[in-house]
Amino acid sequence: MSSTTSQATAALKTPTPAPRSTERPKPQPSLTADQQKNYDWLLEQVKSWKDVPSPTRPEKAGPLTDNERFWLTRECLLRYLRATKWNQKEAEQRLLGSLTWRREYGVDDDDVLTWDHISPESETGKQFIAGYDNEGRPCHYLNPGRQNTDVSPRQNQHFIFMLERVIELMPPTVETICLLINFKQSKTRKYTAPGISQGREVLHMLQTHYPERLGKALIINVPWVVWGFFKLITPFIDPLTRQKLKFNEDMNQYVPPQELWTEFGGKLEFDYDHAEYWPALRKLCEEKRAARRERWLAGGSHVGEHEDYLAGGKETGVAGTVGPAKAESKEAAPAVETVKEVEKEEAAAPATEAAPATNATEDVTEALTKVELEGKPEGNFEADPVKPEGGAAKVEGV
């Protein structure tokens, strides 16, 4: 076998830096006049903040830091507005609450959620990032069957840490993730799926502090206990949210085969080697974050900066300042150009009312709460939306 053929068939062991040119994200619809007014109000409120409160850890209270101003992008504010159905004051309260949580949880603290601290949780590849879906979303894989640690706060920290890395890997115009969960049983542990209480805590953090971030959730090898849980809460979940959840389907329709891990039926040969993957992921994420930070500084360090500009998808920032000449990844450029063409076409088309936004994690958590408080809902369940292990038929309405 030639060296060229050998390299072509070698398993991937590092994260992919950018999606292929055929994968293009869909742009958000233009704001209506009322939505723009709500955004302008929230932006002015954020600019006027003097301090971020911290009731449980007073030493964490204080003025906005540069990291927090960097985080408070235009799209960030819009995500909180959409999650609160454009309620100005509620969006402001939730933003402040998230800033408080990020300080207390140590999301941006170099001494808390560090690469070294999280590394033991990732040794078996129970979470990794590889490939991009049809809309350019980074693929975040969860493999509960590879569980290697006992229940502890660090397990939840691991998920939040990886979620932050997924966000750093998002190409221009992409705001959401593709979550892929494989419940394949472990050969050494009898049951490795997270407990209900742990799952609820993660869902609470997601719905509260990462609104509008879930694009798709692709789930396979669903055991009966997990399948029963999802079936129980399905009647409580909004139909638009259910469309984001796909169980035991042909996942190649959502992720290009060459980008989809073979465990999910794709063609991506991926072999997790922590000694190789972890430093490669760290290097890639730090480079992308540094490039974004450089563009933010060059653009004037504004609250409300465009994420597309920070990711290198457009040349000028919110103040019209031209950023560094070199975008952080030229590989993503073809997809961005395609998006710009789509935006031009949509701008020329008649304006339509945007569909109401839904927060998938909020819907699931609310559904779980209702189930615990009210028990099994009265009446018949809908036709089974998913099948447990082995089912691969496409089911409508999920």
Protein backbone atom coordinates (compact mmCIF):
# COMPACT_ATOMS: atom_id res chain seq x y z
CA MET A 1 0.00 0.00 0.00
CA SER A 2 1.33 3.42 -0.93
CA SER A 3 1.94 6.07 1.72
CA THR A 4 -0.76 8.23 0.10
CA THR A 5 -3.37 5.50 0.47
CA SER A 6 -2.25 4.79 4.01
CA GLN A 7 -2.66 8.43 5.00
CA ALA A 8 -6.10 8.58 3.39
CA THR A 9 -7.38 5.67 5.47
CA ALA A 10 -5.69 6.62 8.74
CA ALA A 11 -8.08 7.35 11.59
CA LEU A 12 -8.47 10.97 12.61
CA LYS A 13 -7.10 11.71 16.08
CA THR A 14 -7.44 15.48 16.28
CA PRO A 15 -10.32 17.99 16.00
CA THR A 16 -11.16 19.41 12.58
CA PRO A 17 -10.44 23.17 12.37
CA ALA A 18 -13.21 24.20 9.95
CA PRO A 19 -16.19 22.79 8.04
CA ARG A 20 -15.96 21.85 4.38
CA SER A 21 -17.13 24.43 1.85
CA THR A 22 -20.38 22.58 1.10
CA GLU A 23 -21.57 22.99 4.69
CA ARG A 24 -23.21 26.38 5.11
CA PRO A 25 -25.11 27.82 8.06
CA LYS A 26 -28.48 29.49 7.68
CA PRO A 27 -28.53 33.21 8.57
CA GLN A 28 -30.88 34.52 11.23
CA PRO A 29 -33.86 36.47 9.83
CA SER A 30 -33.63 40.26 9.89
CA LEU A 31 -35.01 41.94 13.01
CA THR A 32 -38.42 43.55 12.89
CA ALA A 33 -38.75 47.19 13.95
CA ASP A 34 -39.98 46.15 17.43
CA GLN A 35 -37.20 43.59 17.84
CA GLN A 36 -34.59 46.17 16.87
CA LYS A 37 -36.05 48.55 19.45
CA ASN A 38 -35.82 45.85 22.13
CA TYR A 39 -32.22 45.12 21.18
CA ASP A 40 -31.23 48.80 21.24
CA TRP A 41 -32.75 49.15 24.72
CA LEU A 42 -30.93 46.09 26.05
CA LEU A 43 -27.62 47.19 24.55
CA GLU A 44 -27.86 50.58 26.26
CA GLN A 45 -28.71 48.90 29.57
CA VAL A 46 -25.71 46.60 29.31
CA LYS A 47 -23.41 49.53 28.52
CA SER A 48 -24.65 51.30 31.65
CA TRP A 49 -23.93 48.41 34.04
CA LYS A 50 -21.55 49.44 36.81
CA ASP A 51 -21.24 46.17 38.68
CA VAL A 52 -22.04 42.48 38.32
CA PRO A 53 -23.62 41.19 41.56
CA SER A 54 -22.50 38.01 43.32
CA PRO A 55 -24.77 37.26 46.31
CA THR A 56 -23.17 33.93 47.25
CA ARG A 57 -19.56 35.03 46.66
CA PRO A 58 -19.28 38.77 47.37
CA GLU A 59 -15.59 38.75 46.46
CA LYS A 60 -16.62 38.02 42.86
CA ALA A 61 -18.77 41.17 42.54
CA GLY A 62 -17.40 44.10 40.58
CA PRO A 63 -17.35 45.98 37.26
CA LEU A 64 -17.50 44.22 33.90
CA THR A 65 -14.18 42.68 32.91
CA ASP A 66 -12.79 42.72 29.38
CA ASN A 67 -13.57 39.00 29.08
CA GLU A 68 -17.21 39.73 29.91
CA ARG A 69 -17.41 42.66 27.49
CA PHE A 70 -15.93 40.35 24.86
CA TRP A 71 -18.64 37.77 25.65
CA LEU A 72 -21.48 40.33 25.42
CA THR A 73 -21.78 40.30 21.63
CA ARG A 74 -24.73 41.45 19.56
CA GLU A 75 -25.73 37.83 18.96
CA CYS A 76 -25.40 37.03 22.68
CA LEU A 77 -27.88 39.77 23.56
CA LEU A 78 -30.23 38.62 20.79
CA ARG A 79 -30.13 35.03 22.06
CA TYR A 80 -31.30 36.15 25.49
CA LEU A 81 -34.01 38.32 23.92
CA ARG A 82 -35.27 35.42 21.81
CA ALA A 83 -35.18 33.09 24.83
CA THR A 84 -37.36 35.53 26.80
CA LYS A 85 -39.71 36.17 23.86
CA TRP A 86 -38.29 39.69 23.51
CA ASN A 87 -39.06 40.73 27.07
CA GLN A 88 -36.53 43.51 27.69
CA LYS A 89 -36.30 43.41 31.48
CA GLU A 90 -36.35 39.63 31.71
CA ALA A 91 -33.55 39.42 29.14
CA GLU A 92 -31.50 41.92 31.15
CA GLN A 93 -32.06 39.99 34.39
CA ARG A 94 -31.05 36.72 32.76
CA LEU A 95 -27.93 38.25 31.25
CA LEU A 96 -26.86 39.58 34.63
CA GLY A 97 -27.65 36.22 36.18
CA SER A 98 -25.49 34.46 33.61
CA LEU A 99 -22.59 36.83 34.21
CA THR A 100 -22.86 36.15 37.94
CA TRP A 101 -22.94 32.40 37.29
CA ARG A 102 -19.98 32.53 34.91
CA ARG A 103 -17.93 34.30 37.59
CA GLU A 104 -18.96 31.97 40.40
CA TYR A 105 -18.64 28.81 38.28
CA GLY A 106 -15.25 29.91 36.95
CA VAL A 107 -16.07 29.71 33.24
CA ASP A 108 -13.57 32.43 32.31
CA ASP A 109 -11.27 31.89 35.29
CA ASP A 110 -7.84 30.58 34.31
CA ASP A 111 -7.48 29.09 37.80
CA VAL A 112 -10.76 27.11 37.91
CA LEU A 113 -11.95 25.41 34.71
CA THR A 114 -8.49 24.76 33.36
CA TRP A 115 -7.30 22.25 30.79
CA ASP A 116 -5.34 20.37 33.45
CA HIS A 117 -8.31 20.27 35.83
CA ILE A 118 -10.68 18.85 33.20
CA SER A 119 -8.16 16.54 31.51
CA PRO A 120 -8.83 13.43 33.69
CA GLU A 121 -12.50 13.51 32.69
CA SER A 122 -11.58 13.37 29.00
CA GLU A 123 -9.04 10.55 29.10
CA THR A 124 -11.40 7.95 27.61
CA GLY A 125 -13.04 10.18 25.00
CA LYS A 126 -16.44 10.27 26.67
CA GLN A 127 -16.70 13.76 25.16
CA PHE A 128 -14.94 15.05 22.08
CA ILE A 129 -15.46 17.49 19.20
CA ALA A 130 -14.95 16.38 15.60
CA GLY A 131 -16.52 17.38 12.30
CA TYR A 132 -19.37 19.73 11.38
CA ASP A 133 -22.99 19.10 10.40
CA ASN A 134 -24.84 20.22 7.27
CA GLU A 135 -25.23 23.74 8.62
CA GLY A 136 -21.64 24.17 9.78
CA ARG A 137 -22.31 23.41 13.44
CA PRO A 138 -19.43 21.77 15.34
CA CYS A 139 -20.26 18.18 16.30
CA HIS A 140 -20.00 17.58 20.06
CA TYR A 141 -20.00 13.84 20.85
CA LEU A 142 -21.10 12.44 24.22
CA ASN A 143 -20.33 8.78 24.97
CA PRO A 144 -21.70 7.86 28.43
CA GLY A 145 -20.49 4.28 27.94
CA ARG A 146 -16.91 5.56 28.21
CA GLN A 147 -17.49 6.91 31.70
CA ASN A 148 -14.25 6.74 33.68
CA THR A 149 -14.97 8.74 36.86
CA ASP A 150 -17.44 8.69 39.71
CA VAL A 151 -20.15 11.33 40.04
CA SER A 152 -18.64 14.65 41.10
CA PRO A 153 -18.95 18.37 40.30
CA ARG A 154 -16.08 17.95 37.85
CA GLN A 155 -18.26 15.82 35.58
CA ASN A 156 -20.65 18.72 35.04
CA GLN A 157 -17.70 21.11 34.77
CA HIS A 158 -16.38 18.85 32.02
CA PHE A 159 -19.54 19.35 29.96
CA ILE A 160 -19.52 23.13 30.42
CA PHE A 161 -15.81 23.27 29.59
CA MET A 162 -16.33 21.31 26.36
CA LEU A 163 -19.37 23.40 25.45
CA GLU A 164 -17.21 26.53 25.68
CA ARG A 165 -14.68 24.88 23.38
CA VAL A 166 -17.41 24.02 20.87
CA ILE A 167 -18.43 27.69 20.84
CA GLU A 168 -14.81 28.69 20.18
CA LEU A 169 -14.75 26.36 17.16
CA MET A 170 -17.90 27.80 15.58
CA PRO A 171 -17.24 29.21 12.09
CA PRO A 172 -18.67 32.57 10.98
CA THR A 173 -22.50 32.98 11.29
CA VAL A 174 -22.88 29.76 13.32
CA GLU A 175 -24.43 30.11 16.81
CA THR A 176 -25.62 26.59 17.61
CA ILE A 177 -24.14 23.16 18.22
CA CYS A 178 -24.87 19.67 16.96
CA LEU A 179 -24.97 17.35 19.98
CA LEU A 180 -24.46 13.64 19.24
CA ILE A 181 -25.14 11.20 22.10
CA ASN A 182 -24.26 7.51 21.87
CA PHE A 183 -25.77 5.46 24.70
CA LYS A 184 -23.86 2.34 23.68
CA GLN A 185 -23.39 0.22 26.79
CA SER A 186 -20.02 -0.05 28.48
CA LYS A 187 -18.43 -3.49 28.66
CA THR A 188 -16.99 -2.81 32.11
CA ARG A 189 -19.73 -0.73 33.79
CA LYS A 190 -23.31 -1.90 34.12
CA TYR A 191 -24.93 1.52 33.76
CA THR A 192 -23.12 4.66 32.73
CA ALA A 193 -25.87 7.09 31.71
CA PRO A 194 -26.00 10.20 33.94
CA GLY A 195 -28.51 10.20 36.79
CA ILE A 196 -31.70 12.25 36.66
CA SER A 197 -30.44 14.80 39.21
CA GLN A 198 -27.15 15.26 37.36
CA GLY A 199 -28.99 15.55 34.06
CA ARG A 200 -31.34 18.15 35.48
CA GLU A 201 -28.44 20.23 36.78
CA VAL A 202 -26.77 20.23 33.35
CA LEU A 203 -30.06 21.07 31.64
CA HIS A 204 -30.64 23.91 34.08
CA MET A 205 -27.24 25.41 33.28
CA LEU A 206 -27.88 25.02 29.56
CA GLN A 207 -31.34 26.56 29.52
CA THR A 208 -30.38 29.41 31.84
CA HIS A 209 -26.90 30.33 30.67
CA TYR A 210 -26.68 28.97 27.10
CA PRO A 211 -30.06 29.86 25.58
CA GLU A 212 -30.65 29.26 21.88
CA ARG A 213 -27.49 27.17 21.55
CA LEU A 214 -28.88 23.73 20.60
CA GLY A 215 -29.26 23.25 16.87
CA LYS A 216 -29.65 19.47 16.68
CA ALA A 217 -29.43 16.55 19.11
CA LEU A 218 -28.73 13.22 17.40
CA ILE A 219 -29.17 10.26 19.75
CA ILE A 220 -28.46 6.56 19.09
CA ASN A 221 -28.45 3.22 20.95
CA VAL A 222 -31.10 4.52 23.34
CA PRO A 223 -31.55 2.06 26.26
CA TRP A 224 -35.04 1.33 27.53
CA VAL A 225 -34.62 3.39 30.70
CA VAL A 226 -33.60 6.47 28.72
CA TRP A 227 -36.18 5.79 26.03
CA GLY A 228 -38.86 5.60 28.72
CA PHE A 229 -37.73 8.95 30.11
CA PHE A 230 -37.91 10.66 26.71
CA LYS A 231 -41.26 9.06 25.93
CA LEU A 232 -42.62 10.29 29.25
CA ILE A 233 -41.65 13.91 28.67
CA THR A 234 -42.41 14.06 24.93
CA PRO A 235 -46.03 15.28 25.34
CA PHE A 236 -44.76 18.27 27.31
CA ILE A 237 -42.16 19.36 24.74
CA ASP A 238 -42.91 22.02 22.15
CA PRO A 239 -43.20 20.63 18.58
CA LEU A 240 -40.45 22.95 17.31
CA THR A 241 -38.13 21.63 20.02
CA ARG A 242 -39.01 18.02 19.18
CA GLN A 243 -37.83 18.67 15.65
CA LYS A 244 -34.32 19.21 17.02
CA LEU A 245 -34.25 15.77 18.69
CA LYS A 246 -33.49 12.84 16.37
CA PHE A 247 -33.43 9.27 17.69
CA ASN A 248 -31.90 6.25 15.94
CA GLU A 249 -32.28 7.72 12.47
CA ASP A 250 -29.93 7.73 9.50
CA MET A 251 -27.74 10.55 10.83
CA ASN A 252 -26.07 11.03 7.43
CA GLN A 253 -29.01 13.26 6.52
CA TYR A 254 -27.89 15.76 9.17
CA VAL A 255 -24.09 15.41 9.03
CA PRO A 256 -22.05 14.83 5.84
CA PRO A 257 -20.84 11.20 5.84
CA GLN A 258 -17.19 12.27 5.68
CA GLU A 259 -17.74 14.40 8.81
CA LEU A 260 -19.84 11.85 10.74
CA TRP A 261 -18.17 9.37 13.09
CA THR A 262 -18.50 5.74 12.03
CA GLU A 263 -20.26 4.91 15.34
CA PHE A 264 -23.15 7.03 14.02
CA GLY A 265 -23.13 5.43 10.57
CA GLY A 266 -20.78 7.91 8.90
CA LYS A 267 -17.43 7.51 7.18
CA LEU A 268 -15.27 9.47 9.62
CA GLU A 269 -12.78 7.07 11.16
CA PHE A 270 -12.01 8.64 14.53
CA ASP A 271 -9.76 7.09 17.14
CA TYR A 272 -9.65 8.98 20.44
CA ASP A 273 -6.12 9.17 21.82
CA HIS A 274 -6.11 11.59 24.73
CA ALA A 275 -2.35 12.21 24.56
CA GLU A 276 -2.74 13.40 20.97
CA TYR A 277 -6.25 14.87 20.94
CA TRP A 278 -6.19 16.98 24.12
CA PRO A 279 -3.14 19.15 23.29
CA ALA A 280 -4.36 19.51 19.69
CA LEU A 281 -7.78 20.70 20.87
CA ARG A 282 -6.16 23.11 23.30
CA LYS A 283 -3.88 24.57 20.62
CA LEU A 284 -6.74 24.97 18.12
CA CYS A 285 -9.12 26.58 20.62
CA GLU A 286 -6.50 28.95 22.02
CA GLU A 287 -5.56 30.06 18.50
CA LYS A 288 -9.17 30.72 17.55
CA ARG A 289 -9.92 32.55 20.77
CA ALA A 290 -6.78 34.66 20.37
CA ALA A 291 -7.77 35.54 16.79
CA ARG A 292 -11.25 36.58 17.95
CA ARG A 293 -9.78 38.62 20.78
CA GLU A 294 -7.37 40.36 18.40
CA ARG A 295 -10.25 41.33 16.12
CA TRP A 296 -12.31 42.53 19.09
CA LEU A 297 -9.48 44.79 20.23
CA ALA A 298 -8.86 46.05 16.70
CA GLY A 299 -12.57 46.83 16.35
CA GLY A 300 -12.59 49.03 19.44
CA SER A 301 -13.45 46.52 22.22
CA HIS A 302 -17.17 47.19 21.96
CA VAL A 303 -20.01 45.55 23.84
CA GLY A 304 -22.43 44.36 21.15
CA GLU A 305 -19.74 43.43 18.62
CA HIS A 306 -20.76 41.14 15.74
CA GLU A 307 -19.75 37.50 16.22
CA ASP A 308 -19.43 37.16 12.45
CA TYR A 309 -16.75 39.87 12.51
CA LEU A 310 -14.96 38.25 15.45
CA ALA A 311 -14.90 34.90 13.62
CA GLY A 312 -13.41 36.48 10.51
CA GLY A 313 -16.57 36.29 8.41
CA LYS A 314 -16.73 40.03 7.72
CA GLU A 315 -14.06 42.70 7.51
CA THR A 316 -15.56 45.45 9.64
CA GLY A 317 -16.88 45.47 13.18
CA VAL A 318 -19.90 47.21 14.67
CA ALA A 319 -18.05 50.56 14.66
CA GLY A 320 -16.98 50.18 11.04
CA THR A 321 -13.36 49.51 11.99
CA VAL A 322 -11.48 47.15 9.71
CA GLY A 323 -10.08 44.18 11.61
CA PRO A 324 -6.78 42.32 11.09
CA ALA A 325 -6.24 41.35 7.46
CA LYS A 326 -5.87 37.65 8.16
CA ALA A 327 -9.08 35.83 9.09
CA GLU A 328 -8.68 33.01 11.59
CA SER A 329 -9.55 30.34 9.04
CA LYS A 330 -9.58 30.65 5.26
CA GLU A 331 -11.11 27.17 5.00
CA ALA A 332 -14.46 28.53 6.17
CA ALA A 333 -14.57 31.36 3.63
CA PRO A 334 -16.53 29.56 0.86
CA ALA A 335 -19.34 28.75 3.30
CA VAL A 336 -19.50 32.38 4.43
CA GLU A 337 -19.69 33.63 0.85
CA THR A 338 -22.59 31.26 0.25
CA VAL A 339 -24.36 32.62 3.30
CA LYS A 340 -23.89 36.17 2.06
CA GLU A 341 -25.55 35.17 -1.22
CA VAL A 342 -28.46 33.68 0.72
CA GLU A 343 -28.74 36.87 2.78
CA LYS A 344 -28.93 38.95 -0.42
CA GLU A 345 -31.69 36.71 -1.77
CA GLU A 346 -33.65 36.94 1.49
CA ALA A 347 -33.23 40.70 1.62
CA ALA A 348 -34.77 40.96 -1.84
CA ALA A 349 -37.70 38.72 -0.89
CA PRO A 350 -40.85 40.03 0.86
CA ALA A 351 -40.49 40.24 4.64
CA THR A 352 -42.11 37.41 6.59
CA GLU A 353 -42.90 37.08 10.25
CA ALA A 354 -40.24 35.02 12.01
CA ALA A 355 -41.34 31.83 13.73
CA PRO A 356 -41.42 32.04 17.53
CA ALA A 357 -38.15 31.01 19.09
CA THR A 358 -37.96 27.96 21.31
CA ASN A 359 -35.32 26.94 23.82
CA ALA A 360 -34.90 23.19 23.54
CA THR A 361 -33.16 22.66 26.89
CA GLU A 362 -35.72 24.84 28.66
CA ASP A 363 -38.56 22.82 27.15
CA VAL A 364 -36.99 19.52 28.22
CA THR A 365 -36.30 20.70 31.78
CA GLU A 366 -39.79 22.13 32.12
CA ALA A 367 -41.19 18.86 30.83
CA LEU A 368 -39.19 16.87 33.37
CA THR A 369 -40.40 19.14 36.17
CA LYS A 370 -44.02 18.67 35.11
CA VAL A 371 -43.58 14.91 35.02
CA GLU A 372 -42.11 14.89 38.53
CA LEU A 373 -44.82 17.17 39.91
CA GLU A 374 -47.83 15.83 38.04
CA GLY A 375 -46.87 12.29 37.19
CA LYS A 376 -47.75 10.62 33.90
CA PRO A 377 -49.93 12.93 31.76
CA GLU A 378 -53.54 11.94 31.26
CA GLY A 379 -54.71 10.62 27.91
CA ASN A 380 -52.80 8.66 25.30
CA PHE A 381 -49.25 9.34 24.30
CA GLU A 382 -48.69 10.30 20.70
CA ALA A 383 -47.51 7.58 18.38
CA ASP A 384 -44.07 6.46 19.53
CA PRO A 385 -41.74 9.22 18.30
CA VAL A 386 -38.66 7.05 18.69
CA LYS A 387 -37.68 3.43 19.02
CA PRO A 388 -35.11 2.11 21.51
CA GLU A 389 -31.90 0.38 20.56
CA GLY A 390 -31.63 -0.80 16.98
CA GLY A 391 -34.50 1.18 15.44
CA ALA A 392 -33.39 3.21 12.45
CA ALA A 393 -36.64 4.21 10.76
CA LYS A 394 -37.23 7.90 10.27
CA VAL A 395 -40.10 9.06 12.46
CA GLU A 396 -41.98 12.24 11.69
CA GLY A 397 -42.56 14.95 14.29
CA VAL A 398 -39.54 14.31 16.51
